[in-house]
Amino acid sequence: MSALPPQRFEPLPSTEGFIDHNGPCYWRRDESDVPEYGFQSDGRHRNPNGFLHGGAVLSFLDTILGFAVFTETQRKCATVSLDNRFIGNVAPGAWITGRTVVKRLTRTFAFVDAEALAGEKLLVTTAAVFRIFDA
C-alpha cells in the first residue's frame, strides 16, 4: 500500500471501520513530549484534480482531534463541529502530519484546534468542538 511511517511513529489505536479504511493513522511524541500524528497518503486519497482530497485530510483531522480529547479526558467523545480552512494542496503520496491543541475542556465539551501539513506546507487548519460523554 504505502511506505513505512517516519521513525518512532506507532499505529493509532482504532477499531475496524472507516478510520482504518482511510488510514492507517500513526502517532508519536516529539522531542518536547507533544503528540504528533500522521498518515501516508496514496491514490485512494486523490480528488478528481489530482490533489489530496480535502475529505481525506478532514477525516484524518477529525480522528486525531477525537484521539486528543480522549487522551486528555479518558472519556468517549463525538464531533459536534469542525470549522475548516483549506490553505494549500499536495499530490497524493505525501506524508501528512497533524498537530492538535486542546484549548478548553468543560465537563461535557472540548474545544480543540488542529492543523495538517505536508512537510512544512500548511494544508488545513481546523477549530473543533467535541461532546464529551459521561464515563
N, C-alpha and C. Protein backbone atom coordinates (compact mmCIF):
# COMPACT_ATOMS: atom_id res chain seq x y z
N MET A 1 0.84 -1.20 0.00
CA MET A 1 0.00 0.00 0.00
C MET A 1 0.87 1.24 0.00
N SER A 2 1.61 1.50 1.09
CA SER A 2 2.37 2.74 1.17
C SER A 2 3.65 2.52 1.96
N ALA A 3 4.49 3.53 1.96
CA ALA A 3 5.78 3.47 2.64
C ALA A 3 5.59 3.41 4.16
N LEU A 4 6.66 3.01 4.82
CA LEU A 4 6.64 2.98 6.28
C LEU A 4 6.59 4.41 6.83
N PRO A 5 5.98 4.59 8.01
CA PRO A 5 5.94 5.93 8.61
C PRO A 5 7.34 6.34 9.08
N PRO A 6 7.55 7.63 9.30
CA PRO A 6 8.83 8.09 9.86
C PRO A 6 9.11 7.44 11.22
N GLN A 7 10.33 7.56 11.66
CA GLN A 7 10.77 6.92 12.91
C GLN A 7 9.89 7.29 14.10
N ARG A 8 9.72 6.32 14.97
CA ARG A 8 9.02 6.43 16.26
C ARG A 8 7.51 6.58 16.12
N PHE A 9 6.96 6.63 14.92
CA PHE A 9 5.50 6.67 14.78
C PHE A 9 4.95 5.27 15.01
N GLU A 10 3.88 5.19 15.80
CA GLU A 10 3.20 3.93 16.09
C GLU A 10 1.77 4.03 15.58
N PRO A 11 1.16 2.90 15.23
CA PRO A 11 -0.24 2.95 14.79
C PRO A 11 -1.14 3.53 15.87
N LEU A 12 -2.05 4.38 15.45
CA LEU A 12 -3.04 4.95 16.36
C LEU A 12 -4.03 3.84 16.71
N PRO A 13 -4.33 3.65 18.00
CA PRO A 13 -5.32 2.63 18.35
C PRO A 13 -6.66 2.95 17.69
N SER A 14 -7.25 1.96 17.08
CA SER A 14 -8.55 2.18 16.45
C SER A 14 -9.30 0.87 16.41
N THR A 15 -10.52 0.97 15.97
CA THR A 15 -11.33 -0.21 15.77
C THR A 15 -11.57 -0.35 14.28
N GLU A 16 -12.10 -1.46 13.88
CA GLU A 16 -12.41 -1.65 12.48
C GLU A 16 -13.41 -0.60 12.03
N GLY A 17 -13.32 -0.20 10.80
CA GLY A 17 -14.27 0.76 10.26
C GLY A 17 -13.59 1.81 9.42
N PHE A 18 -14.23 2.94 9.30
CA PHE A 18 -13.77 3.98 8.38
C PHE A 18 -12.38 4.50 8.72
N ILE A 19 -12.06 4.66 10.00
CA ILE A 19 -10.75 5.18 10.38
C ILE A 19 -9.65 4.31 9.79
N ASP A 20 -9.79 3.00 9.90
CA ASP A 20 -8.79 2.11 9.34
C ASP A 20 -8.83 2.13 7.82
N HIS A 21 -9.99 2.29 7.23
CA HIS A 21 -10.10 2.36 5.78
C HIS A 21 -9.38 3.59 5.23
N ASN A 22 -9.54 4.71 5.89
CA ASN A 22 -8.92 5.97 5.43
C ASN A 22 -7.43 6.01 5.76
N GLY A 23 -7.00 5.31 6.79
CA GLY A 23 -5.62 5.35 7.27
C GLY A 23 -4.78 4.24 6.68
N PRO A 24 -3.92 3.69 7.50
CA PRO A 24 -3.87 3.83 8.94
C PRO A 24 -3.27 5.17 9.38
N CYS A 25 -3.64 5.57 10.58
CA CYS A 25 -3.09 6.78 11.18
C CYS A 25 -2.05 6.37 12.22
N TYR A 26 -1.08 7.24 12.42
CA TYR A 26 0.01 6.98 13.34
C TYR A 26 0.17 8.16 14.30
N TRP A 27 0.94 7.91 15.39
CA TRP A 27 1.22 8.99 16.31
C TRP A 27 2.54 8.73 17.04
N ARG A 28 3.09 9.78 17.58
CA ARG A 28 4.29 9.71 18.41
C ARG A 28 4.35 10.98 19.25
N ARG A 29 5.25 11.02 20.18
CA ARG A 29 5.51 12.24 20.95
C ARG A 29 6.81 12.82 20.43
N ASP A 30 6.81 14.14 20.14
CA ASP A 30 8.02 14.77 19.63
C ASP A 30 9.03 14.99 20.76
N GLU A 31 10.12 15.65 20.46
CA GLU A 31 11.18 15.88 21.43
C GLU A 31 10.71 16.65 22.66
N SER A 32 9.65 17.44 22.52
CA SER A 32 9.08 18.21 23.63
C SER A 32 7.92 17.47 24.31
N ASP A 33 7.72 16.19 23.97
CA ASP A 33 6.66 15.34 24.53
C ASP A 33 5.26 15.77 24.06
N VAL A 34 5.19 16.46 22.94
CA VAL A 34 3.92 16.88 22.36
C VAL A 34 3.48 15.84 21.33
N PRO A 35 2.22 15.41 21.37
CA PRO A 35 1.77 14.43 20.39
C PRO A 35 1.83 14.98 18.96
N GLU A 36 2.25 14.12 18.05
CA GLU A 36 2.28 14.44 16.62
C GLU A 36 1.66 13.24 15.92
N TYR A 37 0.87 13.49 14.89
CA TYR A 37 0.13 12.44 14.21
C TYR A 37 0.51 12.44 12.73
N GLY A 38 0.19 11.34 12.04
CA GLY A 38 0.49 11.31 10.63
C GLY A 38 -0.22 10.19 9.90
N PHE A 39 -0.28 10.34 8.58
CA PHE A 39 -0.72 9.24 7.73
C PHE A 39 -0.05 9.39 6.37
N GLN A 40 0.16 8.24 5.73
CA GLN A 40 0.76 8.22 4.41
C GLN A 40 -0.36 8.28 3.38
N SER A 41 -0.44 9.38 2.67
CA SER A 41 -1.47 9.49 1.64
C SER A 41 -1.07 8.65 0.42
N ASP A 42 -2.07 8.22 -0.31
CA ASP A 42 -1.83 7.43 -1.52
C ASP A 42 -2.96 7.67 -2.51
N GLY A 43 -3.03 6.88 -3.54
CA GLY A 43 -4.01 7.08 -4.60
C GLY A 43 -5.45 7.07 -4.15
N ARG A 44 -5.75 6.37 -3.03
CA ARG A 44 -7.13 6.35 -2.51
C ARG A 44 -7.59 7.73 -2.10
N HIS A 45 -6.63 8.61 -1.80
CA HIS A 45 -6.93 9.93 -1.23
C HIS A 45 -6.94 11.03 -2.29
N ARG A 46 -6.91 10.68 -3.55
CA ARG A 46 -6.84 11.66 -4.65
C ARG A 46 -8.23 12.21 -4.98
N ASN A 47 -8.26 13.51 -5.31
CA ASN A 47 -9.51 14.09 -5.82
C ASN A 47 -9.46 14.10 -7.34
N PRO A 48 -10.54 14.49 -8.03
CA PRO A 48 -10.54 14.47 -9.50
C PRO A 48 -9.49 15.39 -10.14
N ASN A 49 -8.96 16.35 -9.39
CA ASN A 49 -7.95 17.26 -9.93
C ASN A 49 -6.53 16.75 -9.72
N GLY A 50 -6.39 15.58 -9.10
CA GLY A 50 -5.08 15.00 -8.90
C GLY A 50 -4.40 15.42 -7.60
N PHE A 51 -5.11 16.13 -6.75
CA PHE A 51 -4.55 16.54 -5.46
C PHE A 51 -5.14 15.69 -4.34
N LEU A 52 -4.57 15.82 -3.17
CA LEU A 52 -5.10 15.16 -1.99
C LEU A 52 -6.51 15.69 -1.72
N HIS A 53 -7.47 14.81 -1.58
CA HIS A 53 -8.87 15.21 -1.36
C HIS A 53 -9.02 15.84 0.01
N GLY A 54 -9.71 16.96 0.07
CA GLY A 54 -9.94 17.63 1.35
C GLY A 54 -10.64 16.75 2.36
N GLY A 55 -11.54 15.89 1.89
CA GLY A 55 -12.24 14.99 2.80
C GLY A 55 -11.31 14.00 3.47
N ALA A 56 -10.27 13.57 2.78
CA ALA A 56 -9.29 12.65 3.39
C ALA A 56 -8.55 13.36 4.51
N VAL A 57 -8.18 14.62 4.28
CA VAL A 57 -7.46 15.38 5.31
C VAL A 57 -8.40 15.67 6.49
N LEU A 58 -9.66 16.03 6.20
CA LEU A 58 -10.60 16.30 7.28
C LEU A 58 -10.90 15.06 8.10
N SER A 59 -11.00 13.91 7.46
CA SER A 59 -11.21 12.66 8.21
C SER A 59 -10.03 12.40 9.14
N PHE A 60 -8.82 12.63 8.64
CA PHE A 60 -7.62 12.48 9.47
C PHE A 60 -7.67 13.45 10.66
N LEU A 61 -7.99 14.72 10.40
CA LEU A 61 -8.05 15.71 11.48
C LEU A 61 -9.14 15.37 12.49
N ASP A 62 -10.30 14.96 12.02
CA ASP A 62 -11.38 14.57 12.93
C ASP A 62 -10.94 13.41 13.82
N THR A 63 -10.24 12.46 13.24
CA THR A 63 -9.75 11.31 14.00
C THR A 63 -8.76 11.73 15.08
N ILE A 64 -7.78 12.55 14.72
CA ILE A 64 -6.75 12.91 15.70
C ILE A 64 -7.29 13.89 16.74
N LEU A 65 -8.26 14.72 16.36
CA LEU A 65 -8.89 15.60 17.35
C LEU A 65 -9.61 14.77 18.41
N GLY A 66 -10.37 13.78 17.97
CA GLY A 66 -11.07 12.91 18.92
C GLY A 66 -10.09 12.13 19.79
N PHE A 67 -8.99 11.68 19.19
CA PHE A 67 -7.98 10.96 19.96
C PHE A 67 -7.36 11.88 21.01
N ALA A 68 -7.12 13.14 20.65
CA ALA A 68 -6.56 14.10 21.60
C ALA A 68 -7.51 14.34 22.77
N VAL A 69 -8.81 14.47 22.47
CA VAL A 69 -9.79 14.68 23.53
C VAL A 69 -9.85 13.45 24.44
N PHE A 70 -9.90 12.25 23.83
CA PHE A 70 -9.95 11.04 24.64
C PHE A 70 -8.70 10.90 25.50
N THR A 71 -7.54 11.19 24.94
CA THR A 71 -6.29 11.10 25.69
C THR A 71 -6.31 12.04 26.89
N GLU A 72 -6.85 13.23 26.70
CA GLU A 72 -6.89 14.23 27.77
C GLU A 72 -7.92 13.90 28.86
N THR A 73 -9.07 13.32 28.45
CA THR A 73 -10.18 13.13 29.39
C THR A 73 -10.40 11.68 29.80
N GLN A 74 -9.89 10.73 29.00
CA GLN A 74 -10.17 9.30 29.20
C GLN A 74 -11.66 9.01 29.13
N ARG A 75 -12.37 9.81 28.32
CA ARG A 75 -13.81 9.62 28.11
C ARG A 75 -14.11 9.65 26.63
N LYS A 76 -15.11 8.87 26.22
CA LYS A 76 -15.51 8.86 24.82
C LYS A 76 -16.07 10.22 24.45
N CYS A 77 -15.98 10.52 23.15
CA CYS A 77 -16.43 11.82 22.67
C CYS A 77 -16.95 11.69 21.23
N ALA A 78 -17.61 12.73 20.77
CA ALA A 78 -18.11 12.78 19.40
C ALA A 78 -18.00 14.20 18.87
N THR A 79 -17.78 14.30 17.59
CA THR A 79 -17.65 15.61 16.95
C THR A 79 -18.98 16.34 16.95
N VAL A 80 -18.97 17.59 17.38
CA VAL A 80 -20.11 18.48 17.27
C VAL A 80 -19.94 19.36 16.04
N SER A 81 -18.74 19.95 15.89
CA SER A 81 -18.50 20.81 14.74
C SER A 81 -17.02 20.85 14.39
N LEU A 82 -16.77 21.05 13.10
CA LEU A 82 -15.43 21.29 12.57
C LEU A 82 -15.50 22.55 11.72
N ASP A 83 -14.68 23.52 12.02
CA ASP A 83 -14.59 24.75 11.22
C ASP A 83 -13.23 24.70 10.52
N ASN A 84 -13.25 24.50 9.20
CA ASN A 84 -12.03 24.20 8.45
C ASN A 84 -11.65 25.33 7.49
N ARG A 85 -10.36 25.50 7.35
CA ARG A 85 -9.81 26.44 6.37
C ARG A 85 -8.78 25.71 5.53
N PHE A 86 -9.06 25.59 4.24
CA PHE A 86 -8.14 24.92 3.32
C PHE A 86 -7.13 25.95 2.83
N ILE A 87 -5.86 25.71 3.13
CA ILE A 87 -4.81 26.69 2.86
C ILE A 87 -3.98 26.29 1.65
N GLY A 88 -3.61 25.02 1.57
CA GLY A 88 -2.73 24.56 0.49
C GLY A 88 -3.15 23.19 0.01
N ASN A 89 -2.44 22.70 -1.00
CA ASN A 89 -2.72 21.37 -1.52
C ASN A 89 -1.42 20.64 -1.80
N VAL A 90 -1.54 19.34 -2.01
CA VAL A 90 -0.39 18.49 -2.28
C VAL A 90 -0.89 17.27 -3.03
N ALA A 91 -0.04 16.67 -3.82
CA ALA A 91 -0.41 15.45 -4.54
C ALA A 91 -0.41 14.26 -3.58
N PRO A 92 -1.24 13.25 -3.83
CA PRO A 92 -1.18 12.03 -3.03
C PRO A 92 0.23 11.44 -3.07
N GLY A 93 0.59 10.77 -1.99
CA GLY A 93 1.93 10.22 -1.87
C GLY A 93 2.72 10.91 -0.78
N ALA A 94 2.24 12.07 -0.34
CA ALA A 94 2.92 12.82 0.71
C ALA A 94 2.58 12.25 2.08
N TRP A 95 3.56 12.32 2.99
CA TRP A 95 3.30 12.02 4.40
C TRP A 95 2.62 13.24 4.99
N ILE A 96 1.46 13.06 5.58
CA ILE A 96 0.68 14.16 6.16
C ILE A 96 0.85 14.12 7.67
N THR A 97 1.22 15.25 8.24
CA THR A 97 1.42 15.39 9.68
C THR A 97 0.29 16.22 10.26
N GLY A 98 -0.13 15.88 11.46
CA GLY A 98 -1.16 16.63 12.16
C GLY A 98 -0.73 16.98 13.57
N ARG A 99 -1.17 18.13 14.02
CA ARG A 99 -0.92 18.58 15.39
C ARG A 99 -2.24 19.06 15.97
N THR A 100 -2.43 18.81 17.26
CA THR A 100 -3.66 19.23 17.94
C THR A 100 -3.31 20.04 19.18
N VAL A 101 -4.25 20.92 19.56
CA VAL A 101 -4.12 21.69 20.80
C VAL A 101 -5.50 21.70 21.47
N VAL A 102 -5.56 21.13 22.67
CA VAL A 102 -6.80 21.20 23.44
C VAL A 102 -6.84 22.58 24.08
N LYS A 103 -7.80 23.40 23.63
CA LYS A 103 -7.88 24.78 24.08
C LYS A 103 -8.64 24.92 25.40
N ARG A 104 -9.73 24.16 25.53
CA ARG A 104 -10.56 24.28 26.73
C ARG A 104 -11.38 23.02 26.90
N LEU A 105 -11.51 22.58 28.15
CA LEU A 105 -12.34 21.44 28.49
C LEU A 105 -13.37 21.86 29.52
N THR A 106 -14.61 21.45 29.31
CA THR A 106 -15.63 21.55 30.34
C THR A 106 -16.06 20.13 30.67
N ARG A 107 -17.04 19.96 31.52
CA ARG A 107 -17.50 18.62 31.85
C ARG A 107 -18.05 17.89 30.63
N THR A 108 -18.68 18.63 29.72
CA THR A 108 -19.35 17.98 28.59
C THR A 108 -18.83 18.39 27.21
N PHE A 109 -17.92 19.36 27.13
CA PHE A 109 -17.42 19.80 25.82
C PHE A 109 -15.92 20.00 25.83
N ALA A 110 -15.32 19.78 24.67
CA ALA A 110 -13.90 20.06 24.45
C ALA A 110 -13.79 20.97 23.24
N PHE A 111 -12.93 21.97 23.33
CA PHE A 111 -12.65 22.90 22.25
C PHE A 111 -11.20 22.67 21.84
N VAL A 112 -11.02 22.24 20.59
CA VAL A 112 -9.73 21.75 20.16
C VAL A 112 -9.40 22.32 18.78
N ASP A 113 -8.14 22.67 18.57
CA ASP A 113 -7.65 23.14 17.27
C ASP A 113 -6.70 22.10 16.69
N ALA A 114 -6.57 22.09 15.36
CA ALA A 114 -5.64 21.18 14.70
C ALA A 114 -5.18 21.80 13.39
N GLU A 115 -4.07 21.25 12.89
CA GLU A 115 -3.59 21.62 11.58
C GLU A 115 -2.99 20.39 10.92
N ALA A 116 -3.05 20.37 9.60
CA ALA A 116 -2.45 19.29 8.81
C ALA A 116 -1.42 19.91 7.88
N LEU A 117 -0.28 19.24 7.78
CA LEU A 117 0.81 19.75 6.96
C LEU A 117 1.39 18.63 6.10
N ALA A 118 1.99 19.01 4.99
CA ALA A 118 2.82 18.12 4.18
C ALA A 118 4.21 18.72 4.24
N GLY A 119 5.08 18.13 5.02
CA GLY A 119 6.38 18.77 5.29
C GLY A 119 6.12 20.04 6.07
N GLU A 120 6.62 21.15 5.56
CA GLU A 120 6.39 22.46 6.19
C GLU A 120 5.20 23.20 5.58
N LYS A 121 4.57 22.59 4.58
CA LYS A 121 3.46 23.24 3.87
C LYS A 121 2.14 23.02 4.61
N LEU A 122 1.54 24.11 5.08
CA LEU A 122 0.25 24.05 5.77
C LEU A 122 -0.84 23.74 4.76
N LEU A 123 -1.64 22.72 5.07
CA LEU A 123 -2.74 22.32 4.18
C LEU A 123 -4.09 22.78 4.69
N VAL A 124 -4.39 22.48 5.96
CA VAL A 124 -5.71 22.75 6.54
C VAL A 124 -5.55 23.12 8.00
N THR A 125 -6.34 24.09 8.45
CA THR A 125 -6.48 24.37 9.88
C THR A 125 -7.93 24.12 10.27
N THR A 126 -8.12 23.67 11.48
CA THR A 126 -9.46 23.31 11.96
C THR A 126 -9.64 23.74 13.41
N ALA A 127 -10.79 24.28 13.71
CA ALA A 127 -11.23 24.52 15.08
C ALA A 127 -12.44 23.62 15.30
N ALA A 128 -12.42 22.85 16.38
CA ALA A 128 -13.45 21.84 16.59
C ALA A 128 -14.06 21.93 17.97
N VAL A 129 -15.30 21.44 18.06
CA VAL A 129 -15.99 21.25 19.32
C VAL A 129 -16.37 19.78 19.38
N PHE A 130 -16.09 19.15 20.53
CA PHE A 130 -16.44 17.76 20.75
C PHE A 130 -17.32 17.65 21.98
N ARG A 131 -18.29 16.77 21.93
CA ARG A 131 -19.14 16.44 23.07
C ARG A 131 -18.43 15.33 23.83
N ILE A 132 -18.24 15.53 25.13
CA ILE A 132 -17.62 14.52 25.98
C ILE A 132 -18.73 13.80 26.73
N PHE A 133 -18.70 12.48 26.67
CA PHE A 133 -19.74 11.67 27.30
C PHE A 133 -19.33 11.28 28.72
N ASP A 134 -20.34 11.03 29.55
CA ASP A 134 -20.07 10.56 30.91
C ASP A 134 -19.36 9.21 30.84
N ALA A 135 -18.58 8.95 31.86
CA ALA A 135 -17.75 7.73 31.88
C ALA A 135 -18.57 6.47 31.78
